[in-house]
Amino acid sequence: MTFAQWMRQGHRWLSILFTLAVIANFAAMAIGTPPMWLVYAPLPPLFLMLVSGLYLFALPYAARRRARG
């Protein structure tokens, strides 16, 4: 498994984790005031998804540049 494949798989799992954290957040808000740790729970996966998403976005451009030069 190459680094790009590993990054793509990690990005997918992070999106599942982020979705579950958001669902838990909304469910807790429906019950009452959620604890602060639950309110901020979606932020770490979101930040990691930002980093991996930017890498995956730039990957085809870097491949084209390598093929040209």
PDB file of N, CA and C in Angstrom:
ATOM      1  N   MET A   1       0.856  -1.181   0.000  1.00  0.00           N
ATOM      2  CA  MET A   1       0.000   0.000   0.000  1.00  0.00           C
ATOM      3  C   MET A   1       0.898   1.238   0.000  1.00  0.00           C
ATOM      4  N   THR A   2       0.682   2.096  -0.974  1.00  0.00           N
ATOM      5  CA  THR A   2       1.484   3.312  -1.061  1.00  0.00           C
ATOM      6  C   THR A   2       0.994   4.343  -0.044  1.00  0.00           C
ATOM      7  N   PHE A   3       1.782   5.390   0.105  1.00  0.00           N
ATOM      8  CA  PHE A   3       1.412   6.438   1.049  1.00  0.00           C
ATOM      9  C   PHE A   3       0.110   7.119   0.634  1.00  0.00           C
ATOM     10  N   ALA A   4      -0.078   7.325  -0.675  1.00  0.00           N
ATOM     11  CA  ALA A   4      -1.298   7.974  -1.158  1.00  0.00           C
ATOM     12  C   ALA A   4      -2.526   7.105  -0.879  1.00  0.00           C
ATOM     13  N   GLN A   5      -2.400   5.803  -1.048  1.00  0.00           N
ATOM     14  CA  GLN A   5      -3.517   4.900  -0.752  1.00  0.00           C
ATOM     15  C   GLN A   5      -3.812   4.887   0.745  1.00  0.00           C
ATOM     16  N   TRP A   6      -2.754   4.890   1.546  1.00  0.00           N
ATOM     17  CA  TRP A   6      -2.919   4.917   2.993  1.00  0.00           C
ATOM     18  C   TRP A   6      -3.609   6.215   3.427  1.00  0.00           C
ATOM     19  N   MET A   7      -3.222   7.316   2.808  1.00  0.00           N
ATOM     20  CA  MET A   7      -3.816   8.615   3.126  1.00  0.00           C
ATOM     21  C   MET A   7      -5.285   8.643   2.723  1.00  0.00           C
ATOM     22  N   ARG A   8      -5.612   8.082   1.566  1.00  0.00           N
ATOM     23  CA  ARG A   8      -7.001   8.043   1.101  1.00  0.00           C
ATOM     24  C   ARG A   8      -7.866   7.210   2.046  1.00  0.00           C
ATOM     25  N   GLN A   9      -7.344   6.055   2.474  1.00  0.00           N
ATOM     26  CA  GLN A   9      -8.084   5.200   3.402  1.00  0.00           C
ATOM     27  C   GLN A   9      -8.256   5.895   4.754  1.00  0.00           C
ATOM     28  N   GLY A  10      -7.207   6.554   5.223  1.00  0.00           N
ATOM     29  CA  GLY A  10      -7.298   7.298   6.479  1.00  0.00           C
ATOM     30  C   GLY A  10      -8.317   8.424   6.395  1.00  0.00           C
ATOM     31  N   HIS A  11      -8.356   9.094   5.253  1.00  0.00           N
ATOM     32  CA  HIS A  11      -9.322  10.181   5.046  1.00  0.00           C
ATOM     33  C   HIS A  11     -10.754   9.641   5.112  1.00  0.00           C
ATOM     34  N   ARG A  12     -10.979   8.475   4.533  1.00  0.00           N
ATOM     35  CA  ARG A  12     -12.315   7.866   4.585  1.00  0.00           C
ATOM     36  C   ARG A  12     -12.721   7.526   6.010  1.00  0.00           C
ATOM     37  N   TRP A  13     -11.812   6.925   6.770  1.00  0.00           N
ATOM     38  CA  TRP A  13     -12.135   6.570   8.157  1.00  0.00           C
ATOM     39  C   TRP A  13     -12.336   7.818   9.020  1.00  0.00           C
ATOM     40  N   LEU A  14     -11.562   8.850   8.749  1.00  0.00           N
ATOM     41  CA  LEU A  14     -11.753  10.104   9.486  1.00  0.00           C
ATOM     42  C   LEU A  14     -13.118  10.714   9.187  1.00  0.00           C
ATOM     43  N   SER A  15     -13.577  10.587   7.946  1.00  0.00           N
ATOM     44  CA  SER A  15     -14.894  11.130   7.612  1.00  0.00           C
ATOM     45  C   SER A  15     -15.997  10.373   8.345  1.00  0.00           C
ATOM     46  N   ILE A  16     -15.836   9.068   8.514  1.00  0.00           N
ATOM     47  CA  ILE A  16     -16.812   8.287   9.290  1.00  0.00           C
ATOM     48  C   ILE A  16     -16.791   8.729  10.741  1.00  0.00           C
ATOM     49  N   LEU A  17     -15.602   8.891  11.303  1.00  0.00           N
ATOM     50  CA  LEU A  17     -15.474   9.339  12.693  1.00  0.00           C
ATOM     51  C   LEU A  17     -16.072  10.728  12.887  1.00  0.00           C
ATOM     52  N   PHE A  18     -15.813  11.633  11.940  1.00  0.00           N
ATOM     53  CA  PHE A  18     -16.365  12.984  12.007  1.00  0.00           C
ATOM     54  C   PHE A  18     -17.894  12.949  11.948  1.00  0.00           C
ATOM     55  N   THR A  19     -18.441  12.149  11.046  1.00  0.00           N
ATOM     56  CA  THR A  19     -19.896  12.046  10.916  1.00  0.00           C
ATOM     57  C   THR A  19     -20.529  11.524  12.200  1.00  0.00           C
ATOM     58  N   LEU A  20     -19.929  10.510  12.803  1.00  0.00           N
ATOM     59  CA  LEU A  20     -20.454   9.977  14.062  1.00  0.00           C
ATOM     60  C   LEU A  20     -20.389  11.005  15.189  1.00  0.00           C
ATOM     61  N   ALA A  21     -19.313  11.788  15.218  1.00  0.00           N
ATOM     62  CA  ALA A  21     -19.182  12.815  16.248  1.00  0.00           C
ATOM     63  C   ALA A  21     -20.235  13.911  16.072  1.00  0.00           C
ATOM     64  N   VAL A  22     -20.536  14.282  14.835  1.00  0.00           N
ATOM     65  CA  VAL A  22     -21.560  15.298  14.581  1.00  0.00           C
ATOM     66  C   VAL A  22     -22.940  14.763  14.944  1.00  0.00           C
ATOM     67  N   ILE A  23     -23.220  13.511  14.597  1.00  0.00           N
ATOM     68  CA  ILE A  23     -24.505  12.903  14.954  1.00  0.00           C
ATOM     69  C   ILE A  23     -24.666  12.847  16.470  1.00  0.00           C
ATOM     70  N   ALA A  24     -23.613  12.457  17.174  1.00  0.00           N
ATOM     71  CA  ALA A  24     -23.669  12.420  18.640  1.00  0.00           C
ATOM     72  C   ALA A  24     -23.888  13.813  19.210  1.00  0.00           C
ATOM     73  N   ASN A  25     -23.285  14.803  18.589  1.00  0.00           N
ATOM     74  CA  ASN A  25     -23.444  16.180  19.035  1.00  0.00           C
ATOM     75  C   ASN A  25     -24.902  16.629  18.903  1.00  0.00           C
ATOM     76  N   PHE A  26     -25.504  16.369  17.742  1.00  0.00           N
ATOM     77  CA  PHE A  26     -26.902  16.756  17.543  1.00  0.00           C
ATOM     78  C   PHE A  26     -27.842  15.980  18.456  1.00  0.00           C
ATOM     79  N   ALA A  27     -27.552  14.714  18.673  1.00  0.00           N
ATOM     80  CA  ALA A  27     -28.387  13.913  19.578  1.00  0.00           C
ATOM     81  C   ALA A  27     -28.298  14.449  21.008  1.00  0.00           C
ATOM     82  N   ALA A  28     -27.113  14.839  21.428  1.00  0.00           N
ATOM     83  CA  ALA A  28     -26.944  15.388  22.776  1.00  0.00           C
ATOM     84  C   ALA A  28     -27.634  16.743  22.896  1.00  0.00           C
ATOM     85  N   MET A  29     -27.632  17.540  21.827  1.00  0.00           N
ATOM     86  CA  MET A  29     -28.311  18.836  21.866  1.00  0.00           C
ATOM     87  C   MET A  29     -29.821  18.669  21.949  1.00  0.00           C
ATOM     88  N   ALA A  30     -30.343  17.598  21.370  1.00  0.00           N
ATOM     89  CA  ALA A  30     -31.781  17.354  21.439  1.00  0.00           C
ATOM     90  C   ALA A  30     -32.209  17.002  22.854  1.00  0.00           C
ATOM     91  N   ILE A  31     -31.322  16.385  23.602  1.00  0.00           N
ATOM     92  CA  ILE A  31     -31.635  15.990  24.979  1.00  0.00           C
ATOM     93  C   ILE A  31     -31.496  17.169  25.931  1.00  0.00           C
ATOM     94  N   GLY A  32     -30.492  17.981  25.716  1.00  0.00           N
ATOM     95  CA  GLY A  32     -30.227  19.112  26.615  1.00  0.00           C
ATOM     96  C   GLY A  32     -28.919  19.762  26.227  1.00  0.00           C
ATOM     97  N   THR A  33     -28.277  20.374  27.186  1.00  0.00           N
ATOM     98  CA  THR A  33     -26.987  21.009  26.940  1.00  0.00           C
ATOM     99  C   THR A  33     -25.904  19.932  26.946  1.00  0.00           C
ATOM    100  N   PRO A  34     -25.188  19.770  25.828  1.00  0.00           N
ATOM    101  CA  PRO A  34     -24.154  18.724  25.782  1.00  0.00           C
ATOM    102  C   PRO A  34     -22.901  19.154  26.539  1.00  0.00           C
ATOM    103  N   PRO A  35     -22.128  18.195  27.029  1.00  0.00           N
ATOM    104  CA  PRO A  35     -20.854  18.550  27.675  1.00  0.00           C
ATOM    105  C   PRO A  35     -19.890  19.138  26.651  1.00  0.00           C
ATOM    106  N   MET A  36     -18.988  19.958  27.129  1.00  0.00           N
ATOM    107  CA  MET A  36     -18.082  20.661  26.228  1.00  0.00           C
ATOM    108  C   MET A  36     -17.187  19.710  25.431  1.00  0.00           C
ATOM    109  N   TRP A  37     -16.781  18.593  26.019  1.00  0.00           N
ATOM    110  CA  TRP A  37     -15.931  17.666  25.282  1.00  0.00           C
ATOM    111  C   TRP A  37     -16.659  17.095  24.080  1.00  0.00           C
ATOM    112  N   LEU A  38     -17.979  16.953  24.180  1.00  0.00           N
ATOM    113  CA  LEU A  38     -18.752  16.442  23.053  1.00  0.00           C
ATOM    114  C   LEU A  38     -18.957  17.517  21.984  1.00  0.00           C
ATOM    115  N   VAL A  39     -19.064  18.758  22.415  1.00  0.00           N
ATOM    116  CA  VAL A  39     -19.221  19.856  21.460  1.00  0.00           C
ATOM    117  C   VAL A  39     -17.976  19.989  20.589  1.00  0.00           C
ATOM    118  N   TYR A  40     -16.804  19.817  21.194  1.00  0.00           N
ATOM    119  CA  TYR A  40     -15.547  19.975  20.455  1.00  0.00           C
ATOM    120  C   TYR A  40     -15.027  18.662  19.878  1.00  0.00           C
ATOM    121  N   ALA A  41     -15.716  17.558  20.064  1.00  0.00           N
ATOM    122  CA  ALA A  41     -15.264  16.256  19.563  1.00  0.00           C
ATOM    123  C   ALA A  41     -15.101  16.200  18.040  1.00  0.00           C
ATOM    124  N   PRO A  42     -15.940  16.880  17.243  1.00  0.00           N
ATOM    125  CA  PRO A  42     -15.737  16.798  15.787  1.00  0.00           C
ATOM    126  C   PRO A  42     -14.516  17.563  15.267  1.00  0.00           C
ATOM    127  N   LEU A  43     -13.936  18.428  16.070  1.00  0.00           N
ATOM    128  CA  LEU A  43     -12.851  19.275  15.561  1.00  0.00           C
ATOM    129  C   LEU A  43     -11.551  18.534  15.239  1.00  0.00           C
ATOM    130  N   PRO A  44     -11.055  17.615  16.087  1.00  0.00           N
ATOM    131  CA  PRO A  44      -9.816  16.922  15.704  1.00  0.00           C
ATOM    132  C   PRO A  44      -9.929  16.127  14.401  1.00  0.00           C
ATOM    133  N   PRO A  45     -11.003  15.321  14.195  1.00  0.00           N
ATOM    134  CA  PRO A  45     -11.083  14.648  12.894  1.00  0.00           C
ATOM    135  C   PRO A  45     -11.238  15.633  11.733  1.00  0.00           C
ATOM    136  N   LEU A  46     -11.913  16.741  11.974  1.00  0.00           N
ATOM    137  CA  LEU A  46     -12.086  17.736  10.918  1.00  0.00           C
ATOM    138  C   LEU A  46     -10.748  18.343  10.517  1.00  0.00           C
ATOM    139  N   PHE A  47      -9.903  18.648  11.494  1.00  0.00           N
ATOM    140  CA  PHE A  47      -8.577  19.193  11.198  1.00  0.00           C
ATOM    141  C   PHE A  47      -7.732  18.182  10.428  1.00  0.00           C
ATOM    142  N   LEU A  48      -7.767  16.912  10.857  1.00  0.00           N
ATOM    143  CA  LEU A  48      -7.004  15.885  10.155  1.00  0.00           C
ATOM    144  C   LEU A  48      -7.544  15.658   8.746  1.00  0.00           C
ATOM    145  N   MET A  49      -8.864  15.790   8.577  1.00  0.00           N
ATOM    146  CA  MET A  49      -9.444  15.673   7.243  1.00  0.00           C
ATOM    147  C   MET A  49      -9.013  16.847   6.361  1.00  0.00           C
ATOM    148  N   LEU A  50      -8.848  18.011   6.944  1.00  0.00           N
ATOM    149  CA  LEU A  50      -8.356  19.162   6.187  1.00  0.00           C
ATOM    150  C   LEU A  50      -6.961  18.880   5.641  1.00  0.00           C
ATOM    151  N   VAL A  51      -6.092  18.375   6.498  1.00  0.00           N
ATOM    152  CA  VAL A  51      -4.712  18.096   6.093  1.00  0.00           C
ATOM    153  C   VAL A  51      -4.681  17.001   5.027  1.00  0.00           C
ATOM    154  N   SER A  52      -5.379  15.897   5.278  1.00  0.00           N
ATOM    155  CA  SER A  52      -5.352  14.801   4.304  1.00  0.00           C
ATOM    156  C   SER A  52      -6.077  15.189   3.015  1.00  0.00           C
ATOM    157  N   GLY A  53      -7.135  15.967   3.113  1.00  0.00           N
ATOM    158  CA  GLY A  53      -7.854  16.405   1.920  1.00  0.00           C
ATOM    159  C   GLY A  53      -7.021  17.323   1.051  1.00  0.00           C
ATOM    160  N   LEU A  54      -6.267  18.218   1.668  1.00  0.00           N
ATOM    161  CA  LEU A  54      -5.383  19.089   0.890  1.00  0.00           C
ATOM    162  C   LEU A  54      -4.285  18.289   0.198  1.00  0.00           C
ATOM    163  N   TYR A  55      -3.780  17.272   0.889  1.00  0.00           N
ATOM    164  CA  TYR A  55      -2.776  16.407   0.274  1.00  0.00           C
ATOM    165  C   TYR A  55      -3.377  15.667  -0.925  1.00  0.00           C
ATOM    166  N   LEU A  56      -4.565  15.099  -0.736  1.00  0.00           N
ATOM    167  CA  LEU A  56      -5.207  14.367  -1.827  1.00  0.00           C
ATOM    168  C   LEU A  56      -5.592  15.294  -2.977  1.00  0.00           C
ATOM    169  N   PHE A  57      -5.930  16.530  -2.668  1.00  0.00           N
ATOM    170  CA  PHE A  57      -6.251  17.504  -3.705  1.00  0.00           C
ATOM    171  C   PHE A  57      -5.025  17.834  -4.549  1.00  0.00           C
ATOM    172  N   ALA A  58      -3.872  17.968  -3.908  1.00  0.00           N
ATOM    173  CA  ALA A  58      -2.652  18.365  -4.609  1.00  0.00           C
ATOM    174  C   ALA A  58      -1.975  17.194  -5.315  1.00  0.00           C
ATOM    175  N   LEU A  59      -2.334  15.974  -4.993  1.00  0.00           N
ATOM    176  CA  LEU A  59      -1.670  14.797  -5.546  1.00  0.00           C
ATOM    177  C   LEU A  59      -1.691  14.732  -7.072  1.00  0.00           C
ATOM    178  N   PRO A  60      -2.816  14.931  -7.757  1.00  0.00           N
ATOM    179  CA  PRO A  60      -2.782  14.867  -9.225  1.00  0.00           C
ATOM    180  C   PRO A  60      -1.938  15.971  -9.862  1.00  0.00           C
ATOM    181  N   TYR A  61      -1.935  17.143  -9.260  1.00  0.00           N
ATOM    182  CA  TYR A  61      -1.137  18.245  -9.795  1.00  0.00           C
ATOM    183  C   TYR A  61       0.356  17.931  -9.663  1.00  0.00           C
ATOM    184  N   ALA A  62       0.737  17.339  -8.550  1.00  0.00           N
ATOM    185  CA  ALA A  62       2.150  16.971  -8.361  1.00  0.00           C
ATOM    186  C   ALA A  62       2.545  15.855  -9.329  1.00  0.00           C
ATOM    187  N   ALA A  63       1.647  14.921  -9.594  1.00  0.00           N
ATOM    188  CA  ALA A  63       1.947  13.832 -10.528  1.00  0.00           C
ATOM    189  C   ALA A  63       2.121  14.370 -11.942  1.00  0.00           C
ATOM    190  N   ARG A  64       1.274  15.308 -12.331  1.00  0.00           N
ATOM    191  CA  ARG A  64       1.410  15.917 -13.657  1.00  0.00           C
ATOM    192  C   ARG A  64       2.730  16.669 -13.789  1.00  0.00           C
ATOM    193  N   ARG A  65       3.089  17.362 -12.729  1.00  0.00           N
ATOM    194  CA  ARG A  65       4.336  18.132 -12.767  1.00  0.00           C
ATOM    195  C   ARG A  65       5.539  17.191 -12.861  1.00  0.00           C
ATOM    196  N   ARG A  66       5.479  16.063 -12.136  1.00  0.00           N
ATOM    197  CA  ARG A  66       6.571  15.082 -12.209  1.00  0.00           C
ATOM    198  C   ARG A  66       6.659  14.435 -13.581  1.00  0.00           C
ATOM    199  N   ALA A  67       5.500  14.191 -14.204  1.00  0.00           N
ATOM    200  CA  ALA A  67       5.484  13.554 -15.522  1.00  0.00           C
ATOM    201  C   ALA A  67       6.037  14.494 -16.595  1.00  0.00           C
ATOM    202  N   ARG A  68       5.772  15.774 -16.431  1.00  0.00           N
ATOM    203  CA  ARG A  68       6.251  16.765 -17.406  1.00  0.00           C
ATOM    204  C   ARG A  68       7.748  16.975 -17.322  1.00  0.00           C
ATOM    205  N   GLY A  69       8.237  17.072 -16.090  1.00  0.00           N
ATOM    206  CA  GLY A  69       9.622  17.481 -15.903  1.00  0.00           C
ATOM    207  C   GLY A  69      10.510  16.351 -15.738  1.00  0.00           C
TER     208      GLY A  69
END
